[in-house]
Amino acid sequence: MKGRVEKVKKLLLLLCAALMASFMVACGGETEEEAEGTEEEAGNENAEDGEDASSGEEEITLRMSWWGSQGRHDMTNEIIELYEEENPNVTIQPDFTGFDGYFEKMATQAAGGNLPDIMQQNHGEFVNQYANQDQLADLQPFVDDGTIDVEGVGETIMQSGEVNETLVGIPTGVNALAGLYDPEMIEEAGAEMPHEDWTWEEFETMAETVHEETGEYGVRLMEPGNMFEYYVREKGQRLFNDDGSGLGYEDDQLLVDYLTMNKEMVDEGVAPGYDTIGEIQGLEDELLIHQEAPIDFRWTNQLGTMTDASGRTIEMTPLPGENNDDGMYLKPAMLWSIGKNSEHKEEAAKFINFYTNQVEVYEIAGSDRGVPISPEIQEEMSEDLDETEQKVYDYIDHITDNSSPIDSNYPAEAAEVLNSLADIDELVMYGQLEPEQGAEQFRTEAESILGQ
């Protein structure tokens, strides 16, 4: 009996010793190995939650897409680096391509519900297409809460980013169509210089004179989309009707005249055909750059790239026409949009705000994406513009006072309609359709597309 009691006492003593040891560890803290294990587990949990353990901020990756020249690519990457330096928890993955193929690539991504977090959009046919497919985020809440600061930006400029009264794009800057021309080439040919009020007849005479005197082209072949829209506006009409259910002009003679003018210049060697145009791979290859044509109708934001590439003085003029005040308009150079599928809309909005309101951005990019929409940034930039940038700012000021509101009634099918116009223009230039046949076929195809 006594032996059994002794065993029980020893067992109780061992239990008490074990309890005391556990109590001391709990009070004194974890062992070194246990502490390291706990920290590692916490770090893993933070990593799984997407948080930076050192700062406590969420690690965010944004995908951003744009089109443009190599120069724009380099400038945009520099701007991205600047943003990432100020926001070390954010990584922006660039997705860059030339204009050709950009929207085909976007269409593929849209079909898979995988549009970029931040994307460069084009006003008109493309932004309307994605907005009508409910693929773009509503940006108004980010404007309302101040995430995107647009204080002082004109109402008309902001409305250019709306589709069906929903804000789906913030303009990157303000743009306008212009005739970019080489004054030296025109002067050497003895042709009359372009001017603010020149007519289509004066334009054709200038182009013909340069061709006859130099043997070079007198003008780069005009692309049908923007140029025919301007041509229609200058004649007091619109490309699409009010509700986007049909064409906005009734007389097909408008398109017949436009196609005939271009076809005659191609046939006479004054303008190149599509075989020549098809060899141009980017702005650096354009005829104006290499003094193979004295004028090219383009957007103002391309003046800097073309001036740099040519190494010569290039000037700008409004487009021809007796009523070019009716034809000319201000346009958002591009728009910044956010994919509705984005999981980081607020951070994407913060980048758009950064691009819009940081003078350092425009010190890098200049007017490549248009004249800044922020009056404050415009004022800061205007104090130290180089000669080329000053031309852009002065030209935009002129067009602001000598233009009409942009047409924003693009239907969701506008891109398909404009593709049809481009195909028909090519057939006419190759001589496979007469201008009258082309104008008739375009109306048939456009009405079929819009009637769907």
Protein backbone atom coordinates (compact mmCIF):
# COMPACT_ATOMS: atom_id res chain seq x y z
CA MET A 1 0.00 0.00 0.00
CA LYS A 2 2.81 2.33 0.97
CA GLY A 3 4.59 1.63 -2.36
CA ARG A 4 1.46 2.48 -4.32
CA VAL A 5 1.12 5.85 -2.49
CA GLU A 6 4.74 6.72 -3.28
CA LYS A 7 4.11 6.07 -6.99
CA VAL A 8 1.09 8.37 -6.97
CA LYS A 9 3.14 11.12 -5.26
CA LYS A 10 5.88 10.84 -7.90
CA LEU A 11 3.30 11.00 -10.73
CA LEU A 12 1.74 14.12 -9.21
CA LEU A 13 5.15 15.77 -8.88
CA LEU A 14 5.92 15.04 -12.54
CA LEU A 15 2.57 16.48 -13.64
CA CYS A 16 3.15 19.63 -11.58
CA ALA A 17 6.63 20.07 -13.05
CA ALA A 18 5.24 19.75 -16.59
CA LEU A 19 2.50 22.28 -15.88
CA MET A 20 5.02 24.72 -14.39
CA ALA A 21 7.27 24.45 -17.46
CA SER A 22 4.35 25.11 -19.79
CA PHE A 23 3.30 28.08 -17.69
CA MET A 24 6.82 29.56 -17.79
CA VAL A 25 7.05 29.24 -21.59
CA ALA A 26 3.67 30.90 -22.01
CA CYS A 27 4.68 33.79 -19.74
CA GLY A 28 8.23 34.12 -21.04
CA GLY A 29 7.35 34.01 -24.80
CA GLU A 30 8.06 31.70 -27.73
CA THR A 31 11.34 29.95 -28.31
CA GLU A 32 13.50 31.35 -31.16
CA GLU A 33 12.50 28.52 -33.48
CA GLU A 34 8.83 28.95 -32.67
CA ALA A 35 9.02 32.74 -33.19
CA GLU A 36 10.67 32.31 -36.60
CA GLY A 37 8.05 29.81 -37.60
CA THR A 38 5.24 32.15 -36.56
CA GLU A 39 6.75 35.07 -38.49
CA GLU A 40 7.16 32.91 -41.58
CA GLU A 41 3.55 31.78 -41.36
CA ALA A 42 2.38 35.40 -40.99
CA GLY A 43 4.49 36.42 -43.97
CA ASN A 44 2.97 33.65 -46.05
CA GLU A 45 -0.52 34.72 -45.03
CA ASN A 46 0.22 38.32 -46.00
CA ALA A 47 1.64 37.17 -49.32
CA GLU A 48 -1.46 35.12 -49.95
CA ASP A 49 -3.57 38.17 -49.18
CA GLY A 50 -1.49 40.20 -51.69
CA GLU A 51 0.02 42.50 -49.07
CA ASP A 52 3.52 43.92 -48.75
CA ALA A 53 4.71 42.71 -45.33
CA SER A 54 7.06 45.70 -44.96
CA SER A 55 4.50 48.41 -45.74
CA GLY A 56 1.19 46.72 -45.11
CA GLU A 57 -0.02 47.93 -48.55
CA GLU A 58 -1.62 45.55 -51.00
CA GLU A 59 0.60 44.48 -53.86
CA ILE A 60 -1.27 45.38 -57.05
CA THR A 61 -0.52 44.51 -60.67
CA LEU A 62 -2.29 46.50 -63.40
CA ARG A 63 -2.28 45.65 -67.10
CA MET A 64 -2.18 48.72 -69.35
CA SER A 65 -2.53 48.79 -73.15
CA TRP A 66 -1.95 51.45 -75.79
CA TRP A 67 -1.08 51.89 -79.46
CA GLY A 68 1.39 54.23 -81.10
CA SER A 69 4.92 54.78 -82.35
CA GLN A 70 8.10 53.55 -80.70
CA GLY A 71 8.54 57.07 -79.33
CA ARG A 72 5.18 56.88 -77.54
CA HIS A 73 6.09 53.45 -76.24
CA ASP A 74 9.33 54.76 -74.73
CA MET A 75 7.65 57.83 -73.22
CA THR A 76 4.83 55.81 -71.72
CA ASN A 77 7.23 53.36 -70.12
CA GLU A 78 9.09 56.29 -68.57
CA ILE A 79 5.80 57.63 -67.16
CA ILE A 80 4.93 54.18 -65.79
CA GLU A 81 8.31 54.02 -64.04
CA LEU A 82 7.65 57.42 -62.50
CA TYR A 83 4.29 56.21 -61.16
CA GLU A 84 5.76 52.98 -59.80
CA GLU A 85 8.48 54.94 -57.98
CA GLU A 86 5.80 56.95 -56.19
CA ASN A 87 3.65 53.86 -55.63
CA PRO A 88 6.04 50.97 -54.87
CA ASN A 89 3.20 48.56 -54.19
CA VAL A 90 1.93 48.92 -57.79
CA THR A 91 3.34 47.15 -60.83
CA ILE A 92 2.06 48.12 -64.28
CA GLN A 93 2.47 45.59 -67.07
CA PRO A 94 2.68 47.38 -70.46
CA ASP A 95 0.87 45.94 -73.47
CA PHE A 96 1.91 47.95 -76.51
CA THR A 97 1.29 47.62 -80.25
CA GLY A 98 0.95 49.74 -83.35
CA PHE A 99 -2.48 51.06 -84.33
CA ASP A 100 -2.94 48.34 -86.93
CA GLY A 101 -4.12 45.27 -85.08
CA TYR A 102 -4.66 47.05 -81.75
CA PHE A 103 -8.44 46.86 -81.80
CA GLU A 104 -8.48 43.34 -83.19
CA LYS A 105 -6.39 42.37 -80.17
CA MET A 106 -8.75 44.28 -77.89
CA ALA A 107 -11.75 42.54 -79.43
CA THR A 108 -10.23 39.15 -78.63
CA GLN A 109 -9.62 40.20 -75.03
CA ALA A 110 -13.12 41.64 -74.73
CA ALA A 111 -14.64 38.39 -75.99
CA GLY A 112 -12.85 36.58 -73.18
CA GLY A 113 -13.89 39.15 -70.56
CA ASN A 114 -10.24 40.07 -70.10
CA LEU A 115 -9.86 43.72 -71.11
CA PRO A 116 -6.88 45.54 -69.54
CA ASP A 117 -7.24 47.41 -66.27
CA ILE A 118 -6.19 50.62 -68.05
CA MET A 119 -6.59 50.97 -71.79
CA GLN A 120 -6.10 53.64 -74.40
CA GLN A 121 -9.35 54.05 -76.30
CA ASN A 122 -10.32 55.94 -79.43
CA HIS A 123 -13.25 58.36 -79.38
CA GLY A 124 -16.10 57.35 -81.64
CA GLU A 125 -16.55 53.92 -83.10
CA PHE A 126 -14.38 51.85 -80.73
CA VAL A 127 -15.17 53.32 -77.32
CA ASN A 128 -18.87 53.29 -78.23
CA GLN A 129 -18.62 49.65 -79.23
CA TYR A 130 -17.15 48.51 -75.91
CA ALA A 131 -19.42 50.81 -73.90
CA ASN A 132 -22.51 49.41 -75.60
CA GLN A 133 -21.27 45.91 -74.79
CA ASP A 134 -21.04 46.96 -71.10
CA GLN A 135 -17.30 46.23 -71.09
CA LEU A 136 -16.12 49.57 -69.64
CA ALA A 137 -16.31 50.81 -66.06
CA ASP A 138 -18.31 53.90 -65.12
CA LEU A 139 -15.70 56.50 -64.14
CA GLN A 140 -18.10 59.08 -62.70
CA PRO A 141 -17.88 57.71 -59.12
CA PHE A 142 -14.10 58.22 -59.23
CA VAL A 143 -14.62 61.79 -60.43
CA ASP A 144 -17.24 62.42 -57.76
CA ASP A 145 -15.04 61.22 -54.90
CA GLY A 146 -11.97 63.08 -56.19
CA THR A 147 -9.90 60.05 -57.15
CA ILE A 148 -9.79 61.53 -60.66
CA ASP A 149 -9.46 65.31 -60.40
CA VAL A 150 -10.96 67.13 -63.41
CA GLU A 151 -11.48 70.51 -61.77
CA GLY A 152 -11.52 73.28 -64.37
CA VAL A 153 -11.82 70.89 -67.34
CA GLY A 154 -14.41 72.11 -69.84
CA GLU A 155 -17.79 70.38 -69.92
CA THR A 156 -17.51 69.73 -73.65
CA ILE A 157 -14.19 67.96 -73.16
CA MET A 158 -15.60 65.74 -70.43
CA GLN A 159 -18.71 64.94 -72.47
CA SER A 160 -16.46 63.58 -75.21
CA GLY A 161 -15.74 60.68 -72.84
CA GLU A 162 -19.42 59.85 -72.37
CA VAL A 163 -21.41 57.15 -74.13
CA ASN A 164 -25.15 57.06 -73.44
CA GLU A 165 -24.60 59.65 -70.67
CA THR A 166 -22.13 57.35 -68.85
CA LEU A 167 -18.54 58.53 -68.39
CA VAL A 168 -16.41 55.69 -69.76
CA GLY A 169 -13.28 57.61 -70.79
CA ILE A 170 -11.08 60.43 -69.49
CA PRO A 171 -9.52 62.36 -72.40
CA THR A 172 -5.74 62.08 -72.49
CA GLY A 173 -5.59 65.49 -74.15
CA VAL A 174 -7.17 67.63 -76.86
CA ASN A 175 -6.53 67.00 -80.54
CA ALA A 176 -7.60 68.27 -83.96
CA LEU A 177 -7.16 67.24 -87.58
CA ALA A 178 -4.56 69.23 -89.48
CA GLY A 179 -2.69 69.37 -92.73
CA LEU A 180 0.94 68.69 -91.75
CA TYR A 181 3.09 70.12 -94.55
CA ASP A 182 6.68 70.72 -95.60
CA PRO A 183 6.97 74.44 -96.53
CA GLU A 184 10.40 73.95 -98.11
CA MET A 185 9.12 71.33 -100.55
CA ILE A 186 6.10 73.43 -101.53
CA GLU A 187 8.18 76.60 -101.96
CA GLU A 188 10.77 74.86 -104.13
CA ALA A 189 7.97 73.65 -106.42
CA GLY A 190 6.61 77.20 -106.74
CA ALA A 191 3.21 76.14 -105.41
CA GLU A 192 0.96 78.28 -103.22
CA MET A 193 1.28 77.61 -99.51
CA PRO A 194 -1.69 76.19 -97.58
CA HIS A 195 -3.56 78.75 -95.50
CA GLU A 196 -6.41 78.91 -92.99
CA ASP A 197 -9.17 79.39 -95.56
CA TRP A 198 -7.99 77.40 -98.55
CA THR A 199 -10.44 75.46 -100.70
CA TRP A 200 -10.38 71.93 -102.04
CA GLU A 201 -9.56 73.37 -105.48
CA GLU A 202 -6.54 75.21 -104.05
CA PHE A 203 -5.44 72.03 -102.31
CA GLU A 204 -5.62 70.03 -105.56
CA THR A 205 -3.71 72.73 -107.46
CA MET A 206 -0.94 72.76 -104.86
CA ALA A 207 -0.63 68.96 -104.94
CA GLU A 208 -0.59 68.85 -108.76
CA THR A 209 2.05 71.59 -108.97
CA VAL A 210 4.40 69.84 -106.55
CA HIS A 211 4.02 66.58 -108.48
CA GLU A 212 4.66 68.23 -111.85
CA GLU A 213 7.67 70.23 -110.65
CA THR A 214 9.39 67.64 -108.46
CA GLY A 215 8.24 64.27 -109.73
CA GLU A 216 7.26 63.37 -106.18
CA TYR A 217 3.74 62.83 -104.91
CA GLY A 218 1.71 65.96 -104.20
CA VAL A 219 -0.12 64.48 -101.22
CA ARG A 220 -0.30 61.26 -99.23
CA LEU A 221 -3.43 59.24 -100.07
CA MET A 222 -6.18 60.33 -97.66
CA GLU A 223 -7.61 57.62 -95.43
CA PRO A 224 -11.38 57.47 -95.83
CA GLY A 225 -12.61 57.36 -92.22
CA ASN A 226 -11.70 60.68 -90.59
CA MET A 227 -11.28 62.51 -93.88
CA PHE A 228 -14.65 61.56 -95.33
CA GLU A 229 -16.33 62.41 -92.03
CA TYR A 230 -14.69 65.85 -92.19
CA TYR A 231 -15.71 66.20 -95.86
CA VAL A 232 -19.33 65.44 -94.96
CA ARG A 233 -19.30 67.86 -92.00
CA GLU A 234 -17.78 70.60 -94.15
CA LYS A 235 -20.75 70.17 -96.51
CA GLY A 236 -23.18 70.65 -93.61
CA GLN A 237 -24.01 66.95 -93.11
CA ARG A 238 -23.07 64.19 -90.66
CA LEU A 239 -21.77 60.67 -91.16
CA PHE A 240 -24.46 59.06 -88.97
CA ASN A 241 -28.00 60.16 -88.21
CA ASP A 242 -29.21 61.17 -84.74
CA ASP A 243 -30.06 57.74 -83.40
CA GLY A 244 -27.30 55.87 -85.24
CA SER A 245 -29.77 53.82 -87.24
CA GLY A 246 -28.48 55.00 -90.63
CA LEU A 247 -26.19 57.35 -92.50
CA GLY A 248 -26.55 61.03 -91.72
CA TYR A 249 -26.41 62.27 -95.33
CA GLU A 250 -28.98 61.50 -98.02
CA ASP A 251 -27.17 62.50 -101.20
CA ASP A 252 -24.63 59.87 -102.30
CA GLN A 253 -23.04 62.48 -104.56
CA LEU A 254 -21.03 63.54 -101.51
CA LEU A 255 -19.18 60.21 -101.45
CA VAL A 256 -19.00 60.11 -105.26
CA ASP A 257 -17.22 63.49 -105.27
CA TYR A 258 -14.84 62.49 -102.50
CA LEU A 259 -13.90 59.18 -104.15
CA THR A 260 -13.56 60.84 -107.57
CA MET A 261 -11.15 63.48 -106.22
CA ASN A 262 -8.90 60.83 -104.71
CA LYS A 263 -9.13 58.46 -107.65
CA GLU A 264 -8.11 61.17 -110.12
CA MET A 265 -5.07 62.06 -107.99
CA VAL A 266 -4.02 58.39 -107.80
CA ASP A 267 -4.47 57.89 -111.55
CA GLU A 268 -2.36 60.99 -112.29
CA GLY A 269 0.39 60.01 -109.86
CA VAL A 270 -0.36 63.00 -107.62
CA ALA A 271 -1.21 60.63 -104.77
CA PRO A 272 0.11 57.11 -104.14
CA GLY A 273 -2.05 54.03 -104.45
CA TYR A 274 -2.62 51.38 -101.83
CA ASP A 275 0.41 49.37 -102.99
CA THR A 276 2.67 52.18 -101.80
CA ILE A 277 0.64 52.89 -98.66
CA GLY A 278 0.81 49.21 -97.71
CA GLU A 279 4.60 49.41 -97.42
CA ILE A 280 4.42 52.08 -94.69
CA GLN A 281 4.96 50.42 -91.31
CA GLY A 282 4.81 53.47 -89.02
CA LEU A 283 5.05 57.24 -88.79
CA GLU A 284 8.81 57.09 -89.36
CA ASP A 285 8.16 55.56 -92.82
CA GLU A 286 5.63 58.17 -93.97
CA LEU A 287 6.13 59.98 -97.28
CA LEU A 288 6.21 63.41 -95.60
CA ILE A 289 9.18 62.31 -93.49
CA HIS A 290 11.24 61.44 -96.58
CA GLN A 291 10.11 64.41 -98.73
CA GLU A 292 8.17 62.11 -101.04
CA ALA A 293 4.97 64.12 -100.49
CA PRO A 294 4.59 67.68 -99.14
CA ILE A 295 1.40 67.26 -97.11
CA ASP A 296 -0.34 64.66 -94.99
CA PHE A 297 -3.66 65.03 -93.16
CA ARG A 298 -3.20 63.85 -89.58
CA TRP A 299 -3.86 64.63 -85.91
CA THR A 300 -2.00 67.44 -84.20
CA ASN A 301 -0.43 65.16 -81.59
CA GLN A 302 1.64 63.51 -84.36
CA LEU A 303 3.49 66.72 -85.26
CA GLY A 304 6.27 66.13 -82.72
CA THR A 305 7.05 62.59 -83.86
CA MET A 306 7.02 63.57 -87.53
CA THR A 307 9.14 66.66 -86.96
CA ASP A 308 11.72 64.65 -85.00
CA ALA A 309 11.76 61.88 -87.58
CA SER A 310 12.16 64.27 -90.52
CA GLY A 311 14.67 66.63 -88.91
CA ARG A 312 12.98 69.49 -90.77
CA THR A 313 10.42 72.20 -90.12
CA ILE A 314 6.85 70.96 -90.52
CA GLU A 315 3.92 73.34 -90.30
CA MET A 316 0.18 72.85 -89.76
CA THR A 317 -2.93 74.17 -91.44
CA PRO A 318 -6.69 73.56 -91.11
CA LEU A 319 -8.19 71.20 -93.66
CA PRO A 320 -9.41 72.58 -97.00
CA GLY A 321 -13.00 73.63 -97.63
CA GLU A 322 -15.18 76.68 -98.05
CA ASN A 323 -16.83 75.90 -94.69
CA ASN A 324 -13.98 74.38 -92.75
CA ASP A 325 -15.23 76.01 -89.54
CA ASP A 326 -18.17 73.60 -89.81
CA GLY A 327 -15.95 70.66 -90.66
CA MET A 328 -13.22 71.18 -88.06
CA TYR A 329 -13.71 69.97 -84.48
CA LEU A 330 -11.77 69.33 -81.30
CA LYS A 331 -11.41 65.71 -80.35
CA PRO A 332 -9.99 63.89 -77.36
CA ALA A 333 -6.64 62.69 -78.66
CA MET A 334 -7.42 59.39 -76.94
CA LEU A 335 -9.32 58.29 -73.88
CA TRP A 336 -8.22 56.41 -70.78
CA SER A 337 -10.78 53.73 -69.93
CA ILE A 338 -10.93 51.02 -67.27
CA GLY A 339 -12.11 47.51 -68.04
CA LYS A 340 -15.29 46.63 -66.18
CA ASN A 341 -13.68 43.26 -65.41
CA SER A 342 -10.78 44.94 -63.56
CA GLU A 343 -10.30 43.87 -59.94
CA HIS A 344 -8.39 47.08 -59.18
CA LYS A 345 -10.54 49.87 -60.58
CA GLU A 346 -9.62 52.38 -57.88
CA GLU A 347 -5.89 51.95 -58.44
CA ALA A 348 -6.42 52.20 -62.21
CA ALA A 349 -8.33 55.44 -61.59
CA LYS A 350 -5.42 56.73 -59.50
CA PHE A 351 -3.06 56.20 -62.43
CA ILE A 352 -5.42 58.07 -64.77
CA ASN A 353 -5.49 60.92 -62.27
CA PHE A 354 -1.68 60.86 -62.12
CA TYR A 355 -1.43 61.05 -65.90
CA THR A 356 -3.97 63.89 -66.05
CA ASN A 357 -2.62 66.10 -63.28
CA GLN A 358 1.16 65.68 -63.07
CA VAL A 359 3.18 68.23 -65.04
CA GLU A 360 6.10 65.75 -65.05
CA VAL A 361 3.98 63.47 -67.25
CA TYR A 362 3.63 66.12 -69.95
CA GLU A 363 7.26 67.12 -69.62
CA ILE A 364 7.98 63.56 -70.74
CA ALA A 365 5.17 63.10 -73.27
CA GLY A 366 4.69 66.63 -74.58
CA SER A 367 1.56 66.76 -76.74
CA ASP A 368 1.93 63.17 -77.97
CA ARG A 369 -1.46 62.35 -76.45
CA GLY A 370 -2.85 65.83 -77.06
CA VAL A 371 -2.77 69.17 -75.28
CA PRO A 372 -3.43 68.56 -71.53
CA ILE A 373 -7.07 68.86 -70.47
CA SER A 374 -6.13 70.39 -67.12
CA PRO A 375 -5.99 74.21 -67.37
CA GLU A 376 -3.40 74.25 -64.60
CA ILE A 377 -1.11 71.85 -66.45
CA GLN A 378 -1.62 73.79 -69.69
CA GLU A 379 -0.54 76.98 -67.98
CA GLU A 380 2.52 75.37 -66.43
CA MET A 381 3.53 73.75 -69.73
CA SER A 382 3.00 76.90 -71.80
CA GLU A 383 5.76 78.66 -69.89
CA ASP A 384 8.47 76.43 -71.35
CA LEU A 385 7.34 74.93 -74.67
CA ASP A 386 9.72 74.13 -77.49
CA GLU A 387 8.96 75.39 -80.99
CA THR A 388 7.05 72.29 -82.09
CA GLU A 389 4.91 72.10 -78.95
CA GLN A 390 4.13 75.82 -79.25
CA LYS A 391 2.79 75.21 -82.75
CA VAL A 392 0.44 72.54 -81.41
CA TYR A 393 -0.84 74.75 -78.57
CA ASP A 394 -1.36 77.72 -80.94
CA TYR A 395 -3.15 75.54 -83.48
CA ILE A 396 -5.48 74.08 -80.85
CA ASP A 397 -6.28 77.64 -79.70
CA HIS A 398 -7.15 78.56 -83.29
CA ILE A 399 -9.36 75.50 -83.83
CA THR A 400 -11.08 76.11 -80.49
CA ASP A 401 -12.36 79.41 -81.92
CA ASN A 402 -12.92 78.12 -85.46
CA SER A 403 -14.71 74.79 -85.25
CA SER A 404 -17.99 73.05 -84.48
CA PRO A 405 -18.82 70.48 -81.77
CA ILE A 406 -17.64 66.95 -82.40
CA ASP A 407 -20.21 64.36 -83.50
CA SER A 408 -20.55 61.74 -80.78
CA ASN A 409 -23.57 59.86 -82.11
CA TYR A 410 -21.52 56.87 -83.23
CA PRO A 411 -23.54 53.65 -83.17
CA ALA A 412 -22.08 50.48 -81.69
CA GLU A 413 -21.63 49.16 -85.25
CA ALA A 414 -19.67 52.23 -86.41
CA ALA A 415 -16.35 50.37 -86.61
CA GLU A 416 -17.89 47.82 -88.97
CA VAL A 417 -19.37 50.60 -91.11
CA LEU A 418 -16.02 52.38 -91.35
CA ASN A 419 -14.29 49.11 -92.26
CA SER A 420 -16.77 48.80 -95.11
CA LEU A 421 -15.93 52.34 -96.25
CA ALA A 422 -12.20 51.54 -96.16
CA ASP A 423 -12.72 48.38 -98.24
CA ILE A 424 -14.79 50.26 -100.81
CA ASP A 425 -12.26 53.10 -100.99
CA GLU A 426 -9.55 50.54 -101.77
CA LEU A 427 -11.66 48.90 -104.49
CA VAL A 428 -12.29 52.28 -106.11
CA MET A 429 -8.62 53.29 -105.96
CA TYR A 430 -7.66 49.97 -107.60
CA GLY A 431 -10.24 50.61 -110.34
CA GLN A 432 -12.42 47.64 -109.44
CA LEU A 433 -15.40 49.91 -108.72
CA GLU A 434 -16.40 53.26 -110.18
CA PRO A 435 -16.96 56.02 -107.61
CA GLU A 436 -20.71 55.90 -108.25
CA GLN A 437 -20.76 52.15 -107.66
CA GLY A 438 -18.68 52.55 -104.53
CA ALA A 439 -21.00 55.17 -103.06
CA GLU A 440 -24.05 53.02 -103.78
CA GLN A 441 -22.45 49.88 -102.36
CA PHE A 442 -21.38 51.71 -99.22
CA ARG A 443 -24.90 52.88 -98.52
CA THR A 444 -26.26 49.36 -99.02
CA GLU A 445 -23.68 47.80 -96.72
CA ALA A 446 -23.93 50.54 -94.08
CA GLU A 447 -27.70 50.33 -93.88
CA SER A 448 -27.51 46.55 -93.67
CA ILE A 449 -25.01 46.74 -90.81
CA LEU A 450 -26.92 49.44 -88.94
CA GLY A 451 -30.23 47.72 -89.54
CA GLN A 452 -29.11 44.64 -87.62
